[in-house]
Amino acid sequence: MITEGSINSFDSRLLVTIMEPAPVQHVFKPTRFGDNQGSYLSDLVITHDTEDIVDLNILPPLVNSDHAVLSFTLGTRGMLYDHATPRPNVWKANISAIQECATKTDWFVDTSISVKEAWSVFKGKFRLVTSSFKPYLVPRRPNNNPPRITNSARKLLRRRKKHWNMFISA
């Protein structure tokens, strides 16, 4: 593709910006219909993958507009989200069942093996005994996300409430 004008012109810079990351243009039919200018391609739908846009339809213009209406479905496959990992709720564990299972378990660990191996054997037995008697809970959201209301916003809300209560009581 070639643009008219200098390398630093807006057209050239726009072309380079569009072509470098290799985006995909999805609209190839005219989307603007002028009375005396004819029809031409005016609207762009650009994504990074050909499968991002599904069912692209060019609908007739609304009322007195000269632009067509673009209707499409944007595919959102393969997006990564932070999922909260479940953790054991030790406060609701069935302690009596854990004790009963622990008395039936052979806790012998061979002392001839290394300390790391002995620890992993003991840890495996401990998890086997306790894991089936502890319910797991999933936090509502991951802890690494910022809270919806920041501490400074909370302070401002408390101050507003305090002043409102002073105004009401006066």
N, C-alpha and C. Protein backbone atom coordinates (compact mmCIF):
# COMPACT_ATOMS: atom_id res chain seq x y z
N MET A 1 0.84 -1.17 0.00
CA MET A 1 0.00 0.00 0.00
C MET A 1 0.89 1.24 0.00
N ILE A 2 0.48 2.22 -0.76
CA ILE A 2 1.26 3.44 -0.90
C ILE A 2 0.34 4.62 -0.64
N THR A 3 0.87 5.63 0.05
CA THR A 3 0.11 6.85 0.27
C THR A 3 0.75 7.98 -0.49
N GLU A 4 -0.06 8.95 -0.88
CA GLU A 4 0.47 10.12 -1.56
C GLU A 4 0.98 11.09 -0.51
N GLY A 5 2.03 11.81 -0.83
CA GLY A 5 2.57 12.80 0.11
C GLY A 5 3.84 12.29 0.76
N SER A 6 4.30 13.06 1.73
CA SER A 6 5.58 12.75 2.37
C SER A 6 5.44 11.57 3.33
N ILE A 7 6.59 11.09 3.77
CA ILE A 7 6.62 9.96 4.71
C ILE A 7 6.04 10.37 6.06
N ASN A 8 6.17 11.64 6.42
CA ASN A 8 5.69 12.12 7.71
C ASN A 8 4.25 12.61 7.67
N SER A 9 3.57 12.46 6.55
CA SER A 9 2.19 12.91 6.47
C SER A 9 1.29 12.04 7.33
N PHE A 10 0.11 12.57 7.64
CA PHE A 10 -0.83 11.83 8.48
C PHE A 10 -1.22 10.51 7.83
N ASP A 11 -1.45 10.52 6.52
CA ASP A 11 -1.84 9.29 5.82
C ASP A 11 -0.77 8.22 5.95
N SER A 12 0.49 8.62 5.79
CA SER A 12 1.59 7.64 5.88
C SER A 12 1.71 7.09 7.30
N ARG A 13 1.61 7.98 8.29
CA ARG A 13 1.72 7.52 9.68
C ARG A 13 0.55 6.61 10.05
N LEU A 14 -0.65 6.94 9.56
CA LEU A 14 -1.81 6.08 9.83
C LEU A 14 -1.62 4.71 9.19
N LEU A 15 -1.12 4.68 7.98
CA LEU A 15 -0.88 3.41 7.29
C LEU A 15 0.14 2.58 8.04
N VAL A 16 1.23 3.19 8.48
CA VAL A 16 2.26 2.46 9.23
C VAL A 16 1.69 1.96 10.55
N THR A 17 0.92 2.79 11.23
CA THR A 17 0.32 2.39 12.51
C THR A 17 -0.62 1.21 12.34
N ILE A 18 -1.35 1.19 11.26
CA ILE A 18 -2.30 0.10 11.03
C ILE A 18 -1.59 -1.17 10.58
N MET A 19 -0.55 -1.03 9.75
CA MET A 19 0.09 -2.21 9.16
C MET A 19 1.11 -2.89 10.08
N GLU A 20 1.75 -2.16 11.00
CA GLU A 20 2.80 -2.76 11.82
C GLU A 20 2.32 -3.90 12.70
N PRO A 21 1.28 -3.74 13.53
CA PRO A 21 0.87 -4.86 14.38
C PRO A 21 0.03 -5.90 13.64
N ALA A 22 -0.13 -5.74 12.36
CA ALA A 22 -0.87 -6.66 11.50
C ALA A 22 -2.30 -6.87 11.97
N PRO A 23 -3.07 -5.81 12.11
CA PRO A 23 -4.48 -5.98 12.45
C PRO A 23 -5.28 -6.43 11.23
N VAL A 24 -6.50 -6.83 11.47
CA VAL A 24 -7.36 -7.35 10.42
C VAL A 24 -8.54 -6.40 10.25
N GLN A 25 -8.78 -5.96 9.03
CA GLN A 25 -9.93 -5.12 8.72
C GLN A 25 -11.08 -6.04 8.32
N HIS A 26 -12.27 -5.82 8.89
CA HIS A 26 -13.39 -6.73 8.68
C HIS A 26 -14.46 -6.17 7.72
N VAL A 27 -14.48 -4.89 7.48
CA VAL A 27 -15.50 -4.29 6.61
C VAL A 27 -14.89 -4.04 5.24
N PHE A 28 -15.54 -4.60 4.20
CA PHE A 28 -15.02 -4.44 2.85
C PHE A 28 -16.06 -3.87 1.89
N LYS A 29 -17.27 -3.63 2.35
CA LYS A 29 -18.33 -3.08 1.50
C LYS A 29 -18.56 -1.62 1.88
N PRO A 30 -19.14 -0.83 1.00
CA PRO A 30 -19.39 0.58 1.30
C PRO A 30 -20.31 0.73 2.52
N THR A 31 -19.98 1.72 3.36
CA THR A 31 -20.79 1.96 4.56
C THR A 31 -21.29 3.39 4.62
N ARG A 32 -20.97 4.20 3.62
CA ARG A 32 -21.48 5.57 3.58
C ARG A 32 -22.06 5.82 2.20
N PHE A 33 -23.25 6.40 2.21
CA PHE A 33 -23.97 6.58 0.96
C PHE A 33 -24.36 8.05 0.82
N GLY A 34 -23.58 8.79 0.05
CA GLY A 34 -23.88 10.20 -0.18
C GLY A 34 -24.76 10.37 -1.40
N ASP A 35 -25.57 11.41 -1.39
CA ASP A 35 -26.46 11.65 -2.52
C ASP A 35 -25.68 11.99 -3.80
N ASN A 36 -24.74 12.90 -3.68
CA ASN A 36 -24.02 13.32 -4.88
C ASN A 36 -22.60 12.76 -4.94
N GLN A 37 -22.14 12.06 -3.89
CA GLN A 37 -20.78 11.55 -3.86
C GLN A 37 -20.70 10.05 -4.16
N GLY A 38 -21.79 9.37 -4.17
CA GLY A 38 -21.77 7.93 -4.38
C GLY A 38 -21.55 7.20 -3.05
N SER A 39 -21.24 5.93 -3.13
CA SER A 39 -21.03 5.15 -1.91
C SER A 39 -19.56 4.81 -1.77
N TYR A 40 -19.07 4.81 -0.52
CA TYR A 40 -17.68 4.46 -0.28
C TYR A 40 -17.51 3.91 1.13
N LEU A 41 -16.36 3.28 1.33
CA LEU A 41 -16.04 2.66 2.61
C LEU A 41 -15.60 3.74 3.58
N SER A 42 -16.33 3.89 4.67
CA SER A 42 -16.03 4.95 5.62
C SER A 42 -15.81 4.43 7.03
N ASP A 43 -16.39 3.30 7.38
CA ASP A 43 -16.31 2.79 8.74
C ASP A 43 -15.37 1.59 8.80
N LEU A 44 -14.59 1.53 9.87
CA LEU A 44 -13.62 0.46 10.04
C LEU A 44 -13.94 -0.36 11.28
N VAL A 45 -13.72 -1.65 11.18
CA VAL A 45 -13.74 -2.55 12.33
C VAL A 45 -12.42 -3.30 12.26
N ILE A 46 -11.50 -2.95 13.16
CA ILE A 46 -10.15 -3.52 13.11
C ILE A 46 -9.89 -4.31 14.38
N THR A 47 -9.42 -5.54 14.23
CA THR A 47 -9.03 -6.38 15.36
C THR A 47 -7.71 -7.06 15.04
N HIS A 48 -7.22 -7.86 15.97
CA HIS A 48 -5.94 -8.55 15.74
C HIS A 48 -6.10 -9.95 15.18
N ASP A 49 -7.31 -10.46 15.10
CA ASP A 49 -7.51 -11.83 14.63
C ASP A 49 -8.75 -11.87 13.75
N THR A 50 -8.73 -12.72 12.75
CA THR A 50 -9.88 -12.82 11.84
C THR A 50 -11.10 -13.41 12.52
N GLU A 51 -10.90 -14.17 13.59
CA GLU A 51 -12.02 -14.83 14.26
C GLU A 51 -12.63 -13.99 15.38
N ASP A 52 -12.14 -12.77 15.61
CA ASP A 52 -12.68 -11.92 16.67
C ASP A 52 -14.08 -11.41 16.35
N ILE A 53 -14.34 -11.13 15.09
CA ILE A 53 -15.63 -10.59 14.67
C ILE A 53 -16.39 -11.69 13.94
N VAL A 54 -17.62 -11.93 14.40
CA VAL A 54 -18.46 -12.97 13.80
C VAL A 54 -19.78 -12.31 13.38
N ASP A 55 -20.36 -12.78 12.31
CA ASP A 55 -21.66 -12.31 11.83
C ASP A 55 -21.70 -10.80 11.61
N LEU A 56 -20.81 -10.30 10.79
CA LEU A 56 -20.80 -8.87 10.47
C LEU A 56 -21.89 -8.60 9.44
N ASN A 57 -22.81 -7.70 9.78
CA ASN A 57 -23.90 -7.33 8.88
C ASN A 57 -23.86 -5.82 8.68
N ILE A 58 -24.02 -5.40 7.43
CA ILE A 58 -24.12 -3.97 7.13
C ILE A 58 -25.58 -3.68 6.88
N LEU A 59 -26.20 -2.98 7.82
CA LEU A 59 -27.63 -2.68 7.77
C LEU A 59 -27.84 -1.31 7.13
N PRO A 60 -29.04 -1.04 6.62
CA PRO A 60 -29.29 0.26 5.98
C PRO A 60 -29.20 1.40 7.00
N PRO A 61 -28.94 2.61 6.53
CA PRO A 61 -28.82 3.76 7.43
C PRO A 61 -30.12 4.04 8.17
N LEU A 62 -29.97 4.63 9.36
CA LEU A 62 -31.14 5.01 10.16
C LEU A 62 -31.61 6.40 9.76
N VAL A 63 -32.89 6.58 9.66
CA VAL A 63 -33.57 7.84 9.39
C VAL A 63 -32.88 8.63 8.27
N ASN A 64 -32.29 9.78 8.57
CA ASN A 64 -31.69 10.64 7.54
C ASN A 64 -30.17 10.53 7.50
N SER A 65 -29.60 9.54 8.15
CA SER A 65 -28.15 9.38 8.19
C SER A 65 -27.63 8.86 6.85
N ASP A 66 -26.38 9.19 6.56
CA ASP A 66 -25.77 8.65 5.35
C ASP A 66 -24.79 7.52 5.68
N HIS A 67 -24.66 7.16 6.97
CA HIS A 67 -23.80 6.05 7.39
C HIS A 67 -24.62 4.79 7.60
N ALA A 68 -24.09 3.67 7.17
CA ALA A 68 -24.75 2.39 7.41
C ALA A 68 -24.56 1.98 8.87
N VAL A 69 -25.40 1.08 9.34
CA VAL A 69 -25.29 0.55 10.70
C VAL A 69 -24.56 -0.78 10.61
N LEU A 70 -23.51 -0.93 11.40
CA LEU A 70 -22.75 -2.18 11.44
C LEU A 70 -23.22 -3.00 12.63
N SER A 71 -23.59 -4.23 12.37
CA SER A 71 -24.01 -5.14 13.43
C SER A 71 -23.09 -6.35 13.39
N PHE A 72 -22.47 -6.68 14.54
CA PHE A 72 -21.57 -7.83 14.58
C PHE A 72 -21.49 -8.39 15.99
N THR A 73 -20.95 -9.58 16.07
CA THR A 73 -20.72 -10.23 17.36
C THR A 73 -19.22 -10.26 17.60
N LEU A 74 -18.82 -9.79 18.76
CA LEU A 74 -17.41 -9.77 19.12
C LEU A 74 -17.11 -11.02 19.94
N GLY A 75 -16.24 -11.87 19.43
CA GLY A 75 -15.88 -13.10 20.14
C GLY A 75 -14.86 -12.81 21.22
N THR A 76 -15.05 -13.38 22.40
CA THR A 76 -14.14 -13.16 23.53
C THR A 76 -13.62 -14.49 24.02
N ARG A 77 -12.95 -15.22 23.16
CA ARG A 77 -12.44 -16.53 23.55
C ARG A 77 -11.03 -16.38 24.10
N GLY A 78 -10.68 -17.27 24.97
CA GLY A 78 -9.32 -17.35 25.46
C GLY A 78 -8.88 -16.20 26.34
N MET A 79 -9.80 -15.52 27.00
CA MET A 79 -9.40 -14.44 27.87
C MET A 79 -9.00 -15.00 29.23
N LEU A 80 -7.98 -14.44 29.82
CA LEU A 80 -7.49 -14.91 31.11
C LEU A 80 -8.03 -14.03 32.23
N TYR A 81 -8.52 -14.66 33.25
CA TYR A 81 -9.02 -13.96 34.42
C TYR A 81 -8.31 -14.51 35.65
N ASP A 82 -8.16 -13.67 36.64
CA ASP A 82 -7.63 -14.13 37.91
C ASP A 82 -8.74 -14.86 38.65
N HIS A 83 -8.53 -16.13 38.90
CA HIS A 83 -9.51 -16.89 39.65
C HIS A 83 -9.02 -17.05 41.07
N ALA A 84 -9.92 -16.90 42.00
CA ALA A 84 -9.56 -17.09 43.40
C ALA A 84 -9.43 -18.58 43.67
N THR A 85 -8.35 -18.97 44.30
CA THR A 85 -8.15 -20.38 44.60
C THR A 85 -8.87 -20.73 45.89
N PRO A 86 -9.53 -21.88 45.92
CA PRO A 86 -10.22 -22.27 47.15
C PRO A 86 -9.21 -22.56 48.26
N ARG A 87 -9.60 -22.25 49.47
CA ARG A 87 -8.74 -22.52 50.62
C ARG A 87 -9.55 -23.23 51.69
N PRO A 88 -8.91 -24.03 52.54
CA PRO A 88 -9.66 -24.77 53.55
C PRO A 88 -10.21 -23.85 54.62
N ASN A 89 -11.42 -24.14 55.03
CA ASN A 89 -12.06 -23.41 56.12
C ASN A 89 -11.83 -24.22 57.39
N VAL A 90 -10.74 -23.94 58.09
CA VAL A 90 -10.35 -24.74 59.26
C VAL A 90 -11.32 -24.57 60.42
N TRP A 91 -12.09 -23.50 60.44
CA TRP A 91 -13.03 -23.27 61.54
C TRP A 91 -14.26 -24.16 61.44
N LYS A 92 -14.52 -24.71 60.29
CA LYS A 92 -15.68 -25.60 60.12
C LYS A 92 -15.27 -27.03 59.86
N ALA A 93 -14.03 -27.37 60.18
CA ALA A 93 -13.55 -28.74 59.97
C ALA A 93 -14.20 -29.68 60.97
N ASN A 94 -14.37 -30.93 60.57
CA ASN A 94 -14.94 -31.96 61.44
C ASN A 94 -13.79 -32.56 62.26
N ILE A 95 -13.52 -31.97 63.42
CA ILE A 95 -12.36 -32.33 64.23
C ILE A 95 -12.45 -33.76 64.74
N SER A 96 -13.63 -34.18 65.16
CA SER A 96 -13.76 -35.55 65.69
C SER A 96 -13.48 -36.58 64.59
N ALA A 97 -13.92 -36.33 63.36
CA ALA A 97 -13.64 -37.25 62.26
C ALA A 97 -12.15 -37.25 61.92
N ILE A 98 -11.51 -36.10 62.00
CA ILE A 98 -10.06 -36.03 61.75
C ILE A 98 -9.31 -36.82 62.80
N GLN A 99 -9.71 -36.69 64.07
CA GLN A 99 -9.05 -37.44 65.15
C GLN A 99 -9.23 -38.94 64.97
N GLU A 100 -10.43 -39.35 64.59
CA GLU A 100 -10.70 -40.78 64.39
C GLU A 100 -9.86 -41.33 63.23
N CYS A 101 -9.78 -40.58 62.14
CA CYS A 101 -8.98 -41.02 60.99
C CYS A 101 -7.49 -41.01 61.33
N ALA A 102 -7.06 -40.05 62.14
CA ALA A 102 -5.65 -39.95 62.51
C ALA A 102 -5.22 -41.12 63.40
N THR A 103 -6.12 -41.62 64.25
CA THR A 103 -5.76 -42.76 65.10
C THR A 103 -5.61 -44.03 64.28
N LYS A 104 -6.31 -44.13 63.16
CA LYS A 104 -6.24 -45.32 62.32
C LYS A 104 -5.06 -45.27 61.33
N THR A 105 -4.43 -44.12 61.19
CA THR A 105 -3.35 -43.95 60.22
C THR A 105 -2.02 -44.35 60.83
N ASP A 106 -1.19 -45.01 60.03
CA ASP A 106 0.17 -45.37 60.44
C ASP A 106 1.07 -44.17 60.18
N TRP A 107 1.57 -43.55 61.24
CA TRP A 107 2.37 -42.33 61.13
C TRP A 107 3.86 -42.61 61.07
N PHE A 108 4.25 -43.86 60.91
CA PHE A 108 5.67 -44.20 60.89
C PHE A 108 6.34 -43.60 59.65
N VAL A 109 7.48 -42.94 59.87
CA VAL A 109 8.28 -42.37 58.79
C VAL A 109 9.66 -42.97 58.91
N ASP A 110 10.16 -43.53 57.82
CA ASP A 110 11.47 -44.17 57.81
C ASP A 110 12.56 -43.12 58.05
N THR A 111 13.39 -43.35 59.07
CA THR A 111 14.44 -42.39 59.42
C THR A 111 15.68 -42.52 58.55
N SER A 112 15.76 -43.55 57.75
CA SER A 112 16.95 -43.71 56.91
C SER A 112 16.91 -42.81 55.67
N ILE A 113 15.76 -42.24 55.35
CA ILE A 113 15.66 -41.35 54.18
C ILE A 113 16.03 -39.93 54.60
N SER A 114 16.21 -39.07 53.63
CA SER A 114 16.60 -37.69 53.93
C SER A 114 15.46 -36.94 54.62
N VAL A 115 15.81 -35.84 55.23
CA VAL A 115 14.82 -35.04 55.97
C VAL A 115 13.75 -34.52 55.02
N LYS A 116 14.14 -34.07 53.82
CA LYS A 116 13.16 -33.56 52.85
C LYS A 116 12.16 -34.64 52.46
N GLU A 117 12.66 -35.83 52.17
CA GLU A 117 11.77 -36.93 51.78
C GLU A 117 10.87 -37.33 52.95
N ALA A 118 11.43 -37.38 54.17
CA ALA A 118 10.62 -37.72 55.34
C ALA A 118 9.53 -36.68 55.56
N TRP A 119 9.87 -35.41 55.39
CA TRP A 119 8.88 -34.36 55.55
C TRP A 119 7.78 -34.47 54.50
N SER A 120 8.14 -34.76 53.26
CA SER A 120 7.12 -34.88 52.21
C SER A 120 6.22 -36.09 52.47
N VAL A 121 6.77 -37.19 53.01
CA VAL A 121 5.94 -38.36 53.35
C VAL A 121 4.97 -38.00 54.46
N PHE A 122 5.47 -37.33 55.51
CA PHE A 122 4.60 -36.93 56.62
C PHE A 122 3.53 -35.95 56.16
N LYS A 123 3.93 -34.98 55.33
CA LYS A 123 2.98 -33.98 54.84
C LYS A 123 1.89 -34.64 53.99
N GLY A 124 2.27 -35.63 53.19
CA GLY A 124 1.28 -36.34 52.38
C GLY A 124 0.28 -37.09 53.24
N LYS A 125 0.77 -37.76 54.29
CA LYS A 125 -0.14 -38.47 55.20
C LYS A 125 -1.05 -37.49 55.93
N PHE A 126 -0.50 -36.36 56.36
CA PHE A 126 -1.29 -35.36 57.07
C PHE A 126 -2.40 -34.81 56.18
N ARG A 127 -2.05 -34.48 54.93
CA ARG A 127 -3.06 -33.97 53.99
C ARG A 127 -4.12 -35.02 53.70
N LEU A 128 -3.71 -36.28 53.60
CA LEU A 128 -4.66 -37.35 53.34
C LEU A 128 -5.67 -37.46 54.47
N VAL A 129 -5.20 -37.30 55.70
CA VAL A 129 -6.08 -37.41 56.87
C VAL A 129 -7.01 -36.20 56.96
N THR A 130 -6.48 -35.01 56.76
CA THR A 130 -7.27 -33.80 57.03
C THR A 130 -8.08 -33.28 55.85
N SER A 131 -7.67 -33.55 54.63
CA SER A 131 -8.30 -32.89 53.47
C SER A 131 -9.76 -33.27 53.28
N SER A 132 -10.12 -34.50 53.58
CA SER A 132 -11.51 -34.91 53.33
C SER A 132 -12.48 -34.42 54.40
N PHE A 133 -11.98 -33.87 55.49
CA PHE A 133 -12.87 -33.43 56.57
C PHE A 133 -12.89 -31.92 56.74
N LYS A 134 -12.24 -31.19 55.82
CA LYS A 134 -12.25 -29.73 55.87
C LYS A 134 -13.02 -29.22 54.66
N PRO A 135 -14.05 -28.41 54.87
CA PRO A 135 -14.72 -27.80 53.71
C PRO A 135 -13.84 -26.69 53.13
N TYR A 136 -13.96 -26.50 51.84
CA TYR A 136 -13.19 -25.46 51.16
C TYR A 136 -14.11 -24.31 50.81
N LEU A 137 -13.60 -23.11 50.94
CA LEU A 137 -14.38 -21.95 50.53
C LEU A 137 -13.61 -21.18 49.48
N VAL A 138 -14.36 -20.56 48.59
CA VAL A 138 -13.77 -19.78 47.51
C VAL A 138 -14.04 -18.32 47.81
N PRO A 139 -13.00 -17.50 47.90
CA PRO A 139 -13.23 -16.07 48.12
C PRO A 139 -14.04 -15.48 46.97
N ARG A 140 -14.76 -14.42 47.26
CA ARG A 140 -15.61 -13.80 46.24
C ARG A 140 -14.81 -13.24 45.08
N ARG A 141 -13.65 -12.71 45.37
CA ARG A 141 -12.80 -12.17 44.32
C ARG A 141 -11.35 -12.37 44.73
N PRO A 142 -10.44 -12.36 43.78
CA PRO A 142 -9.03 -12.50 44.14
C PRO A 142 -8.57 -11.33 45.00
N ASN A 143 -7.67 -11.60 45.91
CA ASN A 143 -7.19 -10.58 46.83
C ASN A 143 -6.22 -9.60 46.19
N ASN A 144 -5.70 -9.93 45.01
CA ASN A 144 -4.72 -9.05 44.39
C ASN A 144 -5.37 -7.89 43.63
N ASN A 145 -6.69 -7.85 43.56
CA ASN A 145 -7.37 -6.75 42.89
C ASN A 145 -7.59 -5.61 43.87
N PRO A 146 -7.57 -4.38 43.39
CA PRO A 146 -7.84 -3.27 44.29
C PRO A 146 -9.29 -3.29 44.75
N PRO A 147 -9.58 -2.84 45.96
CA PRO A 147 -10.97 -2.82 46.42
C PRO A 147 -11.79 -1.85 45.58
N ARG A 148 -13.08 -2.05 45.56
CA ARG A 148 -13.94 -1.19 44.75
C ARG A 148 -13.93 0.25 45.27
N ILE A 149 -13.87 0.40 46.59
CA ILE A 149 -13.79 1.72 47.19
C ILE A 149 -12.45 1.81 47.90
N THR A 150 -11.65 2.78 47.55
CA THR A 150 -10.34 2.93 48.16
C THR A 150 -10.46 3.50 49.56
N ASN A 151 -9.37 3.43 50.32
CA ASN A 151 -9.39 3.95 51.69
C ASN A 151 -9.68 5.45 51.72
N SER A 152 -9.13 6.18 50.79
CA SER A 152 -9.39 7.63 50.76
C SER A 152 -10.86 7.91 50.46
N ALA A 153 -11.46 7.11 49.59
CA ALA A 153 -12.89 7.28 49.30
C ALA A 153 -13.73 6.94 50.52
N ARG A 154 -13.33 5.90 51.27
CA ARG A 154 -14.05 5.55 52.50
C ARG A 154 -13.98 6.70 53.51
N LYS A 155 -12.80 7.31 53.65
CA LYS A 155 -12.66 8.44 54.57
C LYS A 155 -13.57 9.58 54.16
N LEU A 156 -13.62 9.86 52.87
CA LEU A 156 -14.49 10.93 52.39
C LEU A 156 -15.96 10.61 52.63
N LEU A 157 -16.34 9.35 52.45
CA LEU A 157 -17.73 8.96 52.70
C LEU A 157 -18.07 9.10 54.18
N ARG A 158 -17.14 8.68 55.06
CA ARG A 158 -17.37 8.84 56.50
C ARG A 158 -17.50 10.31 56.87
N ARG A 159 -16.64 11.16 56.30
CA ARG A 159 -16.70 12.59 56.59
C ARG A 159 -18.02 13.18 56.11
N ARG A 160 -18.46 12.77 54.91
CA ARG A 160 -19.73 13.27 54.39
C ARG A 160 -20.89 12.86 55.29
N LYS A 161 -20.87 11.59 55.74
CA LYS A 161 -21.93 11.10 56.62
C LYS A 161 -21.93 11.87 57.94
N LYS A 162 -20.74 12.12 58.48
CA LYS A 162 -20.62 12.85 59.75
C LYS A 162 -21.19 14.26 59.60
N HIS A 163 -20.83 14.95 58.52
CA HIS A 163 -21.33 16.31 58.31
C HIS A 163 -22.83 16.31 58.03
N TRP A 164 -23.31 15.32 57.34
CA TRP A 164 -24.74 15.22 57.08
C TRP A 164 -25.51 15.03 58.39
N ASN A 165 -25.00 14.16 59.26
CA ASN A 165 -25.65 13.95 60.56
C ASN A 165 -25.61 15.22 61.40
N MET A 166 -24.52 15.98 61.33
CA MET A 166 -24.46 17.26 62.05
C MET A 166 -25.48 18.23 61.49
N PHE A 167 -25.66 18.25 60.18
CA PHE A 167 -26.63 19.14 59.55
C PHE A 167 -28.06 18.76 59.94
N ILE A 168 -28.34 17.46 59.96
CA ILE A 168 -29.69 16.99 60.30
C ILE A 168 -30.02 17.30 61.75
N SER A 169 -29.05 17.13 62.65
CA SER A 169 -29.32 17.33 64.07
C SER A 169 -29.42 18.81 64.44
N ALA A 170 -28.91 19.71 63.60
CA ALA A 170 -28.94 21.15 63.93
C ALA A 170 -30.28 21.76 63.64
